[in-house]
Amino acid sequence: MTAITKHDLVGVWTLEQFIVHRENGESFAWPGVQSGTLIYTASGYVSVAQNRDPLANPTPEDRARTSNFYTGTYQTDLEHGRVIHTPLQSSVPSIIGVPA
């Protein structure tokens, strides 16, 4: 696995898929077709705009996950090859301040 550095991330990225890797090891993929933009700065900030196409028969949980917009900070986890976002402002208030 190649280590991810902040230098590698700086710029504008197009979201291809959205998968949450939870601490218990579970992976959760948002259902449906995703679209979005991520912007990473050299100073450690991130801005995320994420949407998905409507689902034919959404569950109540899925209806609550049609979009997600936030700004925050990010860190790279070189050991595990991942990027951790900590939202500072968000369209989903429950994620503010929660590293993910």
PDB file of N, CA and C in Angstrom:
ATOM      1  N   MET A   1       0.848  -1.172   0.000  1.00  0.00           N
ATOM      2  CA  MET A   1       0.000   0.000   0.000  1.00  0.00           C
ATOM      3  C   MET A   1       0.898   1.241   0.000  1.00  0.00           C
ATOM      4  N   THR A   2       0.592   2.187  -0.855  1.00  0.00           N
ATOM      5  CA  THR A   2       1.361   3.409  -0.936  1.00  0.00           C
ATOM      6  C   THR A   2       0.885   4.397   0.118  1.00  0.00           C
ATOM      7  N   ALA A   3       1.811   5.040   0.809  1.00  0.00           N
ATOM      8  CA  ALA A   3       1.465   6.010   1.842  1.00  0.00           C
ATOM      9  C   ALA A   3       0.867   7.263   1.208  1.00  0.00           C
ATOM     10  N   ILE A   4      -0.183   7.797   1.825  1.00  0.00           N
ATOM     11  CA  ILE A   4      -0.835   9.022   1.375  1.00  0.00           C
ATOM     12  C   ILE A   4      -0.260  10.181   2.175  1.00  0.00           C
ATOM     13  N   THR A   5       0.152  11.236   1.500  1.00  0.00           N
ATOM     14  CA  THR A   5       0.639  12.428   2.188  1.00  0.00           C
ATOM     15  C   THR A   5      -0.282  13.599   1.874  1.00  0.00           C
ATOM     16  N   LYS A   6      -0.201  14.653   2.681  1.00  0.00           N
ATOM     17  CA  LYS A   6      -0.981  15.856   2.402  1.00  0.00           C
ATOM     18  C   LYS A   6      -0.647  16.401   1.019  1.00  0.00           C
ATOM     19  N   HIS A   7       0.608  16.340   0.657  1.00  0.00           N
ATOM     20  CA  HIS A   7       1.021  16.837  -0.657  1.00  0.00           C
ATOM     21  C   HIS A   7       0.257  16.124  -1.775  1.00  0.00           C
ATOM     22  N   ASP A   8       0.015  14.823  -1.620  1.00  0.00           N
ATOM     23  CA  ASP A   8      -0.719  14.043  -2.617  1.00  0.00           C
ATOM     24  C   ASP A   8      -2.168  14.499  -2.752  1.00  0.00           C
ATOM     25  N   LEU A   9      -2.742  15.006  -1.677  1.00  0.00           N
ATOM     26  CA  LEU A   9      -4.170  15.326  -1.657  1.00  0.00           C
ATOM     27  C   LEU A   9      -4.507  16.742  -2.087  1.00  0.00           C
ATOM     28  N   VAL A  10      -3.599  17.680  -1.947  1.00  0.00           N
ATOM     29  CA  VAL A  10      -3.911  19.088  -2.204  1.00  0.00           C
ATOM     30  C   VAL A  10      -4.471  19.258  -3.608  1.00  0.00           C
ATOM     31  N   GLY A  11      -5.657  19.850  -3.683  1.00  0.00           N
ATOM     32  CA  GLY A  11      -6.303  20.095  -4.962  1.00  0.00           C
ATOM     33  C   GLY A  11      -7.783  19.758  -4.896  1.00  0.00           C
ATOM     34  N   VAL A  12      -8.376  19.627  -6.074  1.00  0.00           N
ATOM     35  CA  VAL A  12      -9.812  19.360  -6.205  1.00  0.00           C
ATOM     36  C   VAL A  12     -10.000  17.945  -6.746  1.00  0.00           C
ATOM     37  N   TRP A  13     -10.879  17.185  -6.095  1.00  0.00           N
ATOM     38  CA  TRP A  13     -11.120  15.794  -6.447  1.00  0.00           C
ATOM     39  C   TRP A  13     -12.606  15.563  -6.717  1.00  0.00           C
ATOM     40  N   THR A  14     -12.908  14.638  -7.602  1.00  0.00           N
ATOM     41  CA  THR A  14     -14.284  14.245  -7.888  1.00  0.00           C
ATOM     42  C   THR A  14     -14.582  12.941  -7.167  1.00  0.00           C
ATOM     43  N   LEU A  15     -15.696  12.927  -6.443  1.00  0.00           N
ATOM     44  CA  LEU A  15     -16.097  11.745  -5.692  1.00  0.00           C
ATOM     45  C   LEU A  15     -16.546  10.649  -6.650  1.00  0.00           C
ATOM     46  N   GLU A  16     -16.008   9.451  -6.478  1.00  0.00           N
ATOM     47  CA  GLU A  16     -16.412   8.295  -7.274  1.00  0.00           C
ATOM     48  C   GLU A  16     -17.297   7.352  -6.474  1.00  0.00           C
ATOM     49  N   GLN A  17     -17.012   7.193  -5.199  1.00  0.00           N
ATOM     50  CA  GLN A  17     -17.832   6.366  -4.316  1.00  0.00           C
ATOM     51  C   GLN A  17     -17.656   6.868  -2.894  1.00  0.00           C
ATOM     52  N   PHE A  18     -18.603   6.516  -2.038  1.00  0.00           N
ATOM     53  CA  PHE A  18     -18.541   6.956  -0.652  1.00  0.00           C
ATOM     54  C   PHE A  18     -18.727   5.747   0.245  1.00  0.00           C
ATOM     55  N   ILE A  19     -17.650   5.354   0.905  1.00  0.00           N
ATOM     56  CA  ILE A  19     -17.677   4.204   1.811  1.00  0.00           C
ATOM     57  C   ILE A  19     -17.145   4.651   3.161  1.00  0.00           C
ATOM     58  N   VAL A  20     -17.916   4.394   4.193  1.00  0.00           N
ATOM     59  CA  VAL A  20     -17.507   4.699   5.559  1.00  0.00           C
ATOM     60  C   VAL A  20     -16.930   3.425   6.163  1.00  0.00           C
ATOM     61  N   HIS A  21     -15.718   3.516   6.681  1.00  0.00           N
ATOM     62  CA  HIS A  21     -15.090   2.393   7.384  1.00  0.00           C
ATOM     63  C   HIS A  21     -15.215   2.674   8.871  1.00  0.00           C
ATOM     64  N   ARG A  22     -16.123   1.982   9.499  1.00  0.00           N
ATOM     65  CA  ARG A  22     -16.409   2.218  10.912  1.00  0.00           C
ATOM     66  C   ARG A  22     -15.357   1.562  11.796  1.00  0.00           C
ATOM     67  N   GLU A  23     -15.236   2.067  13.028  1.00  0.00           N
ATOM     68  CA  GLU A  23     -14.211   1.568  13.952  1.00  0.00           C
ATOM     69  C   GLU A  23     -14.359   0.083  14.260  1.00  0.00           C
ATOM     70  N   ASN A  24     -15.577  -0.438  14.185  1.00  0.00           N
ATOM     71  CA  ASN A  24     -15.789  -1.856  14.472  1.00  0.00           C
ATOM     72  C   ASN A  24     -15.396  -2.744  13.292  1.00  0.00           C
ATOM     73  N   GLY A  25     -14.852  -2.141  12.222  1.00  0.00           N
ATOM     74  CA  GLY A  25     -14.413  -2.892  11.058  1.00  0.00           C
ATOM     75  C   GLY A  25     -15.444  -2.977   9.950  1.00  0.00           C
ATOM     76  N   GLU A  26     -16.670  -2.573  10.246  1.00  0.00           N
ATOM     77  CA  GLU A  26     -17.736  -2.607   9.256  1.00  0.00           C
ATOM     78  C   GLU A  26     -17.512  -1.525   8.194  1.00  0.00           C
ATOM     79  N   SER A  27     -17.794  -1.860   6.952  1.00  0.00           N
ATOM     80  CA  SER A  27     -17.772  -0.886   5.868  1.00  0.00           C
ATOM     81  C   SER A  27     -19.204  -0.636   5.425  1.00  0.00           C
ATOM     82  N   PHE A  28     -19.563   0.630   5.270  1.00  0.00           N
ATOM     83  CA  PHE A  28     -20.910   1.004   4.847  1.00  0.00           C
ATOM     84  C   PHE A  28     -20.798   1.831   3.580  1.00  0.00           C
ATOM     85  N   ALA A  29     -21.363   1.337   2.480  1.00  0.00           N
ATOM     86  CA  ALA A  29     -21.372   2.074   1.215  1.00  0.00           C
ATOM     87  C   ALA A  29     -22.732   2.754   1.067  1.00  0.00           C
ATOM     88  N   TRP A  30     -22.702   4.066   0.846  1.00  0.00           N
ATOM     89  CA  TRP A  30     -23.956   4.764   0.588  1.00  0.00           C
ATOM     90  C   TRP A  30     -24.558   4.176  -0.668  1.00  0.00           C
ATOM     91  N   PRO A  31     -25.830   3.797  -0.640  1.00  0.00           N
ATOM     92  CA  PRO A  31     -26.443   3.231  -1.839  1.00  0.00           C
ATOM     93  C   PRO A  31     -26.731   4.317  -2.880  1.00  0.00           C
ATOM     94  N   GLY A  32     -26.865   3.884  -4.124  1.00  0.00           N
ATOM     95  CA  GLY A  32     -27.215   4.805  -5.197  1.00  0.00           C
ATOM     96  C   GLY A  32     -25.999   5.410  -5.867  1.00  0.00           C
ATOM     97  N   VAL A  33     -26.273   6.197  -6.898  1.00  0.00           N
ATOM     98  CA  VAL A  33     -25.229   6.852  -7.677  1.00  0.00           C
ATOM     99  C   VAL A  33     -24.780   8.117  -6.949  1.00  0.00           C
ATOM    100  N   GLN A  34     -23.495   8.195  -6.650  1.00  0.00           N
ATOM    101  CA  GLN A  34     -22.918   9.312  -5.897  1.00  0.00           C
ATOM    102  C   GLN A  34     -22.307  10.351  -6.832  1.00  0.00           C
ATOM    103  N   SER A  35     -22.331  11.591  -6.389  1.00  0.00           N
ATOM    104  CA  SER A  35     -21.571  12.646  -7.060  1.00  0.00           C
ATOM    105  C   SER A  35     -21.089  13.602  -5.992  1.00  0.00           C
ATOM    106  N   GLY A  36     -19.989  14.286  -6.283  1.00  0.00           N
ATOM    107  CA  GLY A  36     -19.495  15.228  -5.287  1.00  0.00           C
ATOM    108  C   GLY A  36     -18.115  15.734  -5.608  1.00  0.00           C
ATOM    109  N   THR A  37     -17.696  16.693  -4.799  1.00  0.00           N
ATOM    110  CA  THR A  37     -16.397  17.329  -4.951  1.00  0.00           C
ATOM    111  C   THR A  37     -15.751  17.443  -3.582  1.00  0.00           C
ATOM    112  N   LEU A  38     -14.453  17.142  -3.534  1.00  0.00           N
ATOM    113  CA  LEU A  38     -13.656  17.320  -2.324  1.00  0.00           C
ATOM    114  C   LEU A  38     -12.523  18.269  -2.657  1.00  0.00           C
ATOM    115  N   ILE A  39     -12.282  19.228  -1.776  1.00  0.00           N
ATOM    116  CA  ILE A  39     -11.200  20.192  -1.960  1.00  0.00           C
ATOM    117  C   ILE A  39     -10.297  20.123  -0.738  1.00  0.00           C
ATOM    118  N   TYR A  40      -9.024  19.816  -0.980  1.00  0.00           N
ATOM    119  CA  TYR A  40      -8.025  19.725   0.088  1.00  0.00           C
ATOM    120  C   TYR A  40      -7.036  20.873  -0.052  1.00  0.00           C
ATOM    121  N   THR A  41      -6.725  21.545   1.061  1.00  0.00           N
ATOM    122  CA  THR A  41      -5.738  22.621   1.057  1.00  0.00           C
ATOM    123  C   THR A  41      -4.440  22.148   1.701  1.00  0.00           C
ATOM    124  N   ALA A  42      -3.364  22.817   1.377  1.00  0.00           N
ATOM    125  CA  ALA A  42      -2.058  22.489   1.968  1.00  0.00           C
ATOM    126  C   ALA A  42      -2.020  22.778   3.460  1.00  0.00           C
ATOM    127  N   SER A  43      -2.897  23.664   3.930  1.00  0.00           N
ATOM    128  CA  SER A  43      -2.913  24.021   5.347  1.00  0.00           C
ATOM    129  C   SER A  43      -3.762  23.066   6.195  1.00  0.00           C
ATOM    130  N   GLY A  44      -4.284  21.984   5.578  1.00  0.00           N
ATOM    131  CA  GLY A  44      -4.974  20.967   6.362  1.00  0.00           C
ATOM    132  C   GLY A  44      -6.479  21.095   6.430  1.00  0.00           C
ATOM    133  N   TYR A  45      -7.091  21.872   5.531  1.00  0.00           N
ATOM    134  CA  TYR A  45      -8.546  22.000   5.510  1.00  0.00           C
ATOM    135  C   TYR A  45      -9.132  21.229   4.343  1.00  0.00           C
ATOM    136  N   VAL A  46     -10.390  20.798   4.519  1.00  0.00           N
ATOM    137  CA  VAL A  46     -11.101  20.052   3.484  1.00  0.00           C
ATOM    138  C   VAL A  46     -12.522  20.608   3.380  1.00  0.00           C
ATOM    139  N   SER A  47     -13.039  20.615   2.165  1.00  0.00           N
ATOM    140  CA  SER A  47     -14.428  20.977   1.906  1.00  0.00           C
ATOM    141  C   SER A  47     -15.038  19.846   1.086  1.00  0.00           C
ATOM    142  N   VAL A  48     -16.207  19.366   1.511  1.00  0.00           N
ATOM    143  CA  VAL A  48     -16.844  18.229   0.859  1.00  0.00           C
ATOM    144  C   VAL A  48     -18.280  18.587   0.487  1.00  0.00           C
ATOM    145  N   ALA A  49     -18.632  18.313  -0.774  1.00  0.00           N
ATOM    146  CA  ALA A  49     -20.008  18.433  -1.248  1.00  0.00           C
ATOM    147  C   ALA A  49     -20.366  17.084  -1.856  1.00  0.00           C
ATOM    148  N   GLN A  50     -21.369  16.437  -1.302  1.00  0.00           N
ATOM    149  CA  GLN A  50     -21.732  15.085  -1.729  1.00  0.00           C
ATOM    150  C   GLN A  50     -23.242  14.998  -1.924  1.00  0.00           C
ATOM    151  N   ASN A  51     -23.655  14.421  -3.038  1.00  0.00           N
ATOM    152  CA  ASN A  51     -25.064  14.178  -3.338  1.00  0.00           C
ATOM    153  C   ASN A  51     -25.200  12.774  -3.897  1.00  0.00           C
ATOM    154  N   ARG A  52     -26.430  12.295  -3.925  1.00  0.00           N
ATOM    155  CA  ARG A  52     -26.689  11.040  -4.621  1.00  0.00           C
ATOM    156  C   ARG A  52     -28.043  11.138  -5.308  1.00  0.00           C
ATOM    157  N   ASP A  53     -28.162  10.368  -6.364  1.00  0.00           N
ATOM    158  CA  ASP A  53     -29.430  10.304  -7.084  1.00  0.00           C
ATOM    159  C   ASP A  53     -30.495   9.699  -6.180  1.00  0.00           C
ATOM    160  N   PRO A  54     -31.760  10.094  -6.382  1.00  0.00           N
ATOM    161  CA  PRO A  54     -32.838   9.515  -5.566  1.00  0.00           C
ATOM    162  C   PRO A  54     -32.904   7.996  -5.710  1.00  0.00           C
ATOM    163  N   LEU A  55     -33.259   7.339  -4.609  1.00  0.00           N
ATOM    164  CA  LEU A  55     -33.433   5.881  -4.607  1.00  0.00           C
ATOM    165  C   LEU A  55     -34.901   5.546  -4.856  1.00  0.00           C
ATOM    166  N   ALA A  56     -35.155   4.410  -5.495  1.00  0.00           N
ATOM    167  CA  ALA A  56     -36.525   4.006  -5.805  1.00  0.00           C
ATOM    168  C   ALA A  56     -37.347   3.751  -4.548  1.00  0.00           C
ATOM    169  N   ASN A  57     -36.804   3.018  -3.577  1.00  0.00           N
ATOM    170  CA  ASN A  57     -37.519   2.678  -2.338  1.00  0.00           C
ATOM    171  C   ASN A  57     -36.621   2.920  -1.136  1.00  0.00           C
ATOM    172  N   PRO A  58     -36.356   4.194  -0.800  1.00  0.00           N
ATOM    173  CA  PRO A  58     -35.410   4.463   0.284  1.00  0.00           C
ATOM    174  C   PRO A  58     -35.968   4.100   1.655  1.00  0.00           C
ATOM    175  N   THR A  59     -35.071   3.629   2.508  1.00  0.00           N
ATOM    176  CA  THR A  59     -35.420   3.418   3.911  1.00  0.00           C
ATOM    177  C   THR A  59     -35.434   4.793   4.579  1.00  0.00           C
ATOM    178  N   PRO A  60     -35.985   4.911   5.773  1.00  0.00           N
ATOM    179  CA  PRO A  60     -35.922   6.209   6.473  1.00  0.00           C
ATOM    180  C   PRO A  60     -34.482   6.700   6.640  1.00  0.00           C
ATOM    181  N   GLU A  61     -33.552   5.761   6.921  1.00  0.00           N
ATOM    182  CA  GLU A  61     -32.144   6.151   7.059  1.00  0.00           C
ATOM    183  C   GLU A  61     -31.604   6.678   5.727  1.00  0.00           C
ATOM    184  N   ASP A  62     -31.949   6.008   4.619  1.00  0.00           N
ATOM    185  CA  ASP A  62     -31.484   6.459   3.303  1.00  0.00           C
ATOM    186  C   ASP A  62     -32.052   7.824   2.925  1.00  0.00           C
ATOM    187  N   ARG A  63     -33.307   8.097   3.316  1.00  0.00           N
ATOM    188  CA  ARG A  63     -33.898   9.419   3.015  1.00  0.00           C
ATOM    189  C   ARG A  63     -33.119  10.527   3.709  1.00  0.00           C
ATOM    190  N   ALA A  64     -32.533  10.217   4.856  1.00  0.00           N
ATOM    191  CA  ALA A  64     -31.765  11.215   5.611  1.00  0.00           C
ATOM    192  C   ALA A  64     -30.363  11.392   5.033  1.00  0.00           C
ATOM    193  N   ARG A  65     -29.966  10.561   4.073  1.00  0.00           N
ATOM    194  CA  ARG A  65     -28.610  10.600   3.534  1.00  0.00           C
ATOM    195  C   ARG A  65     -28.585  10.961   2.052  1.00  0.00           C
ATOM    196  N   THR A  66     -29.385  11.919   1.637  1.00  0.00           N
ATOM    197  CA  THR A  66     -29.385  12.290   0.219  1.00  0.00           C
ATOM    198  C   THR A  66     -28.234  13.216  -0.120  1.00  0.00           C
ATOM    199  N   SER A  67     -27.750  13.955   0.863  1.00  0.00           N
ATOM    200  CA  SER A  67     -26.616  14.851   0.613  1.00  0.00           C
ATOM    201  C   SER A  67     -25.843  15.060   1.902  1.00  0.00           C
ATOM    202  N   ASN A  68     -24.628  15.570   1.728  1.00  0.00           N
ATOM    203  CA  ASN A  68     -23.759  15.829   2.864  1.00  0.00           C
ATOM    204  C   ASN A  68     -22.787  16.924   2.440  1.00  0.00           C
ATOM    205  N   PHE A  69     -22.810  18.021   3.138  1.00  0.00           N
ATOM    206  CA  PHE A  69     -21.921  19.132   2.849  1.00  0.00           C
ATOM    207  C   PHE A  69     -21.217  19.530   4.135  1.00  0.00           C
ATOM    208  N   TYR A  70     -19.891  19.589   4.084  1.00  0.00           N
ATOM    209  CA  TYR A  70     -19.182  20.033   5.276  1.00  0.00           C
ATOM    210  C   TYR A  70     -17.811  20.605   4.928  1.00  0.00           C
ATOM    211  N   THR A  71     -17.297  21.370   5.882  1.00  0.00           N
ATOM    212  CA  THR A  71     -15.915  21.829   5.843  1.00  0.00           C
ATOM    213  C   THR A  71     -15.280  21.388   7.147  1.00  0.00           C
ATOM    214  N   GLY A  72     -13.984  21.220   7.106  1.00  0.00           N
ATOM    215  CA  GLY A  72     -13.303  20.788   8.320  1.00  0.00           C
ATOM    216  C   GLY A  72     -11.815  20.668   8.108  1.00  0.00           C
ATOM    217  N   THR A  73     -11.203  19.885   8.948  1.00  0.00           N
ATOM    218  CA  THR A  73      -9.767  19.637   8.849  1.00  0.00           C
ATOM    219  C   THR A  73      -9.563  18.173   8.469  1.00  0.00           C
ATOM    220  N   TYR A  74      -8.351  17.867   8.016  1.00  0.00           N
ATOM    221  CA  TYR A  74      -8.042  16.481   7.688  1.00  0.00           C
ATOM    222  C   TYR A  74      -6.638  16.139   8.138  1.00  0.00           C
ATOM    223  N   GLN A  75      -6.441  14.843   8.361  1.00  0.00           N
ATOM    224  CA  GLN A  75      -5.130  14.290   8.703  1.00  0.00           C
ATOM    225  C   GLN A  75      -4.926  13.054   7.840  1.00  0.00           C
ATOM    226  N   THR A  76      -3.683  12.774   7.544  1.00  0.00           N
ATOM    227  CA  THR A  76      -3.384  11.525   6.856  1.00  0.00           C
ATOM    228  C   THR A  76      -2.936  10.495   7.878  1.00  0.00           C
ATOM    229  N   ASP A  77      -3.380   9.273   7.703  1.00  0.00           N
ATOM    230  CA  ASP A  77      -2.992   8.143   8.537  1.00  0.00           C
ATOM    231  C   ASP A  77      -2.111   7.266   7.655  1.00  0.00           C
ATOM    232  N   LEU A  78      -0.804   7.536   7.667  1.00  0.00           N
ATOM    233  CA  LEU A  78       0.126   6.857   6.773  1.00  0.00           C
ATOM    234  C   LEU A  78       0.179   5.358   7.019  1.00  0.00           C
ATOM    235  N   GLU A  79       0.054   4.961   8.272  1.00  0.00           N
ATOM    236  CA  GLU A  79       0.135   3.538   8.607  1.00  0.00           C
ATOM    237  C   GLU A  79      -0.974   2.720   7.940  1.00  0.00           C
ATOM    238  N   HIS A  80      -2.179   3.322   7.852  1.00  0.00           N
ATOM    239  CA  HIS A  80      -3.325   2.595   7.310  1.00  0.00           C
ATOM    240  C   HIS A  80      -3.733   3.081   5.918  1.00  0.00           C
ATOM    241  N   GLY A  81      -3.009   4.027   5.341  1.00  0.00           N
ATOM    242  CA  GLY A  81      -3.312   4.516   4.002  1.00  0.00           C
ATOM    243  C   GLY A  81      -4.680   5.154   3.887  1.00  0.00           C
ATOM    244  N   ARG A  82      -5.042   5.995   4.863  1.00  0.00           N
ATOM    245  CA  ARG A  82      -6.359   6.622   4.835  1.00  0.00           C
ATOM    246  C   ARG A  82      -6.273   8.093   5.211  1.00  0.00           C
ATOM    247  N   VAL A  83      -7.362   8.785   4.975  1.00  0.00           N
ATOM    248  CA  VAL A  83      -7.487  10.203   5.300  1.00  0.00           C
ATOM    249  C   VAL A  83      -8.638  10.338   6.288  1.00  0.00           C
ATOM    250  N   ILE A  84      -8.415  11.088   7.368  1.00  0.00           N
ATOM    251  CA  ILE A  84      -9.425  11.270   8.407  1.00  0.00           C
ATOM    252  C   ILE A  84      -9.898  12.719   8.377  1.00  0.00           C
ATOM    253  N   HIS A  85     -11.205  12.901   8.206  1.00  0.00           N
ATOM    254  CA  HIS A  85     -11.813  14.238   8.204  1.00  0.00           C
ATOM    255  C   HIS A  85     -12.440  14.508   9.565  1.00  0.00           C
ATOM    256  N   THR A  86     -12.311  15.741  10.062  1.00  0.00           N
ATOM    257  CA  THR A  86     -13.015  16.184  11.261  1.00  0.00           C
ATOM    258  C   THR A  86     -13.822  17.420  10.887  1.00  0.00           C
ATOM    259  N   PRO A  87     -15.140  17.271  10.671  1.00  0.00           N
ATOM    260  CA  PRO A  87     -15.972  18.397  10.262  1.00  0.00           C
ATOM    261  C   PRO A  87     -16.037  19.498  11.322  1.00  0.00           C
ATOM    262  N   LEU A  88     -15.984  20.746  10.852  1.00  0.00           N
ATOM    263  CA  LEU A  88     -16.141  21.923  11.708  1.00  0.00           C
ATOM    264  C   LEU A  88     -17.531  22.541  11.537  1.00  0.00           C
ATOM    265  N   GLN A  89     -18.065  22.471  10.317  1.00  0.00           N
ATOM    266  CA  GLN A  89     -19.426  22.885   9.992  1.00  0.00           C
ATOM    267  C   GLN A  89     -19.993  21.780   9.108  1.00  0.00           C
ATOM    268  N   SER A  90     -21.317  21.546   9.202  1.00  0.00           N
ATOM    269  CA  SER A  90     -21.872  20.463   8.398  1.00  0.00           C
ATOM    270  C   SER A  90     -23.383  20.607   8.235  1.00  0.00           C
ATOM    271  N   SER A  91     -23.886  20.090   7.099  1.00  0.00           N
ATOM    272  CA  SER A  91     -25.331  20.001   6.902  1.00  0.00           C
ATOM    273  C   SER A  91     -25.929  18.885   7.759  1.00  0.00           C
ATOM    274  N   VAL A  92     -25.066  18.052   8.331  1.00  0.00           N
ATOM    275  CA  VAL A  92     -25.480  16.983   9.248  1.00  0.00           C
ATOM    276  C   VAL A  92     -24.834  17.305  10.602  1.00  0.00           C
ATOM    277  N   PRO A  93     -25.552  18.016  11.471  1.00  0.00           N
ATOM    278  CA  PRO A  93     -24.947  18.487  12.726  1.00  0.00           C
ATOM    279  C   PRO A  93     -24.310  17.401  13.591  1.00  0.00           C
ATOM    280  N   SER A  94     -24.798  16.178  13.527  1.00  0.00           N
ATOM    281  CA  SER A  94     -24.276  15.123  14.394  1.00  0.00           C
ATOM    282  C   SER A  94     -22.847  14.722  14.072  1.00  0.00           C
ATOM    283  N   ILE A  95     -22.300  15.112  12.903  1.00  0.00           N
ATOM    284  CA  ILE A  95     -20.916  14.726  12.576  1.00  0.00           C
ATOM    285  C   ILE A  95     -19.903  15.814  12.928  1.00  0.00           C
ATOM    286  N   ILE A  96     -20.363  16.986  13.351  1.00  0.00           N
ATOM    287  CA  ILE A  96     -19.438  18.076  13.674  1.00  0.00           C
ATOM    288  C   ILE A  96     -18.535  17.660  14.824  1.00  0.00           C
ATOM    289  N   GLY A  97     -17.220  17.774  14.592  1.00  0.00           N
ATOM    290  CA  GLY A  97     -16.228  17.440  15.613  1.00  0.00           C
ATOM    291  C   GLY A  97     -15.905  15.972  15.747  1.00  0.00           C
ATOM    292  N   VAL A  98     -16.538  15.136  14.928  1.00  0.00           N
ATOM    293  CA  VAL A  98     -16.337  13.688  15.032  1.00  0.00           C
ATOM    294  C   VAL A  98     -15.380  13.234  13.908  1.00  0.00           C
ATOM    295  N   PRO A  99     -14.167  12.824  14.248  1.00  0.00           N
ATOM    296  CA  PRO A  99     -13.245  12.364  13.212  1.00  0.00           C
ATOM    297  C   PRO A  99     -13.785  11.114  12.509  1.00  0.00           C
ATOM    298  N   ALA A 100     -13.665  11.107  11.210  1.00  0.00           N
ATOM    299  CA  ALA A 100     -14.122   9.931  10.443  1.00  0.00           C
ATOM    300  C   ALA A 100     -13.275   9.773   9.189  1.00  0.00           C
TER     301      ALA A 100
END
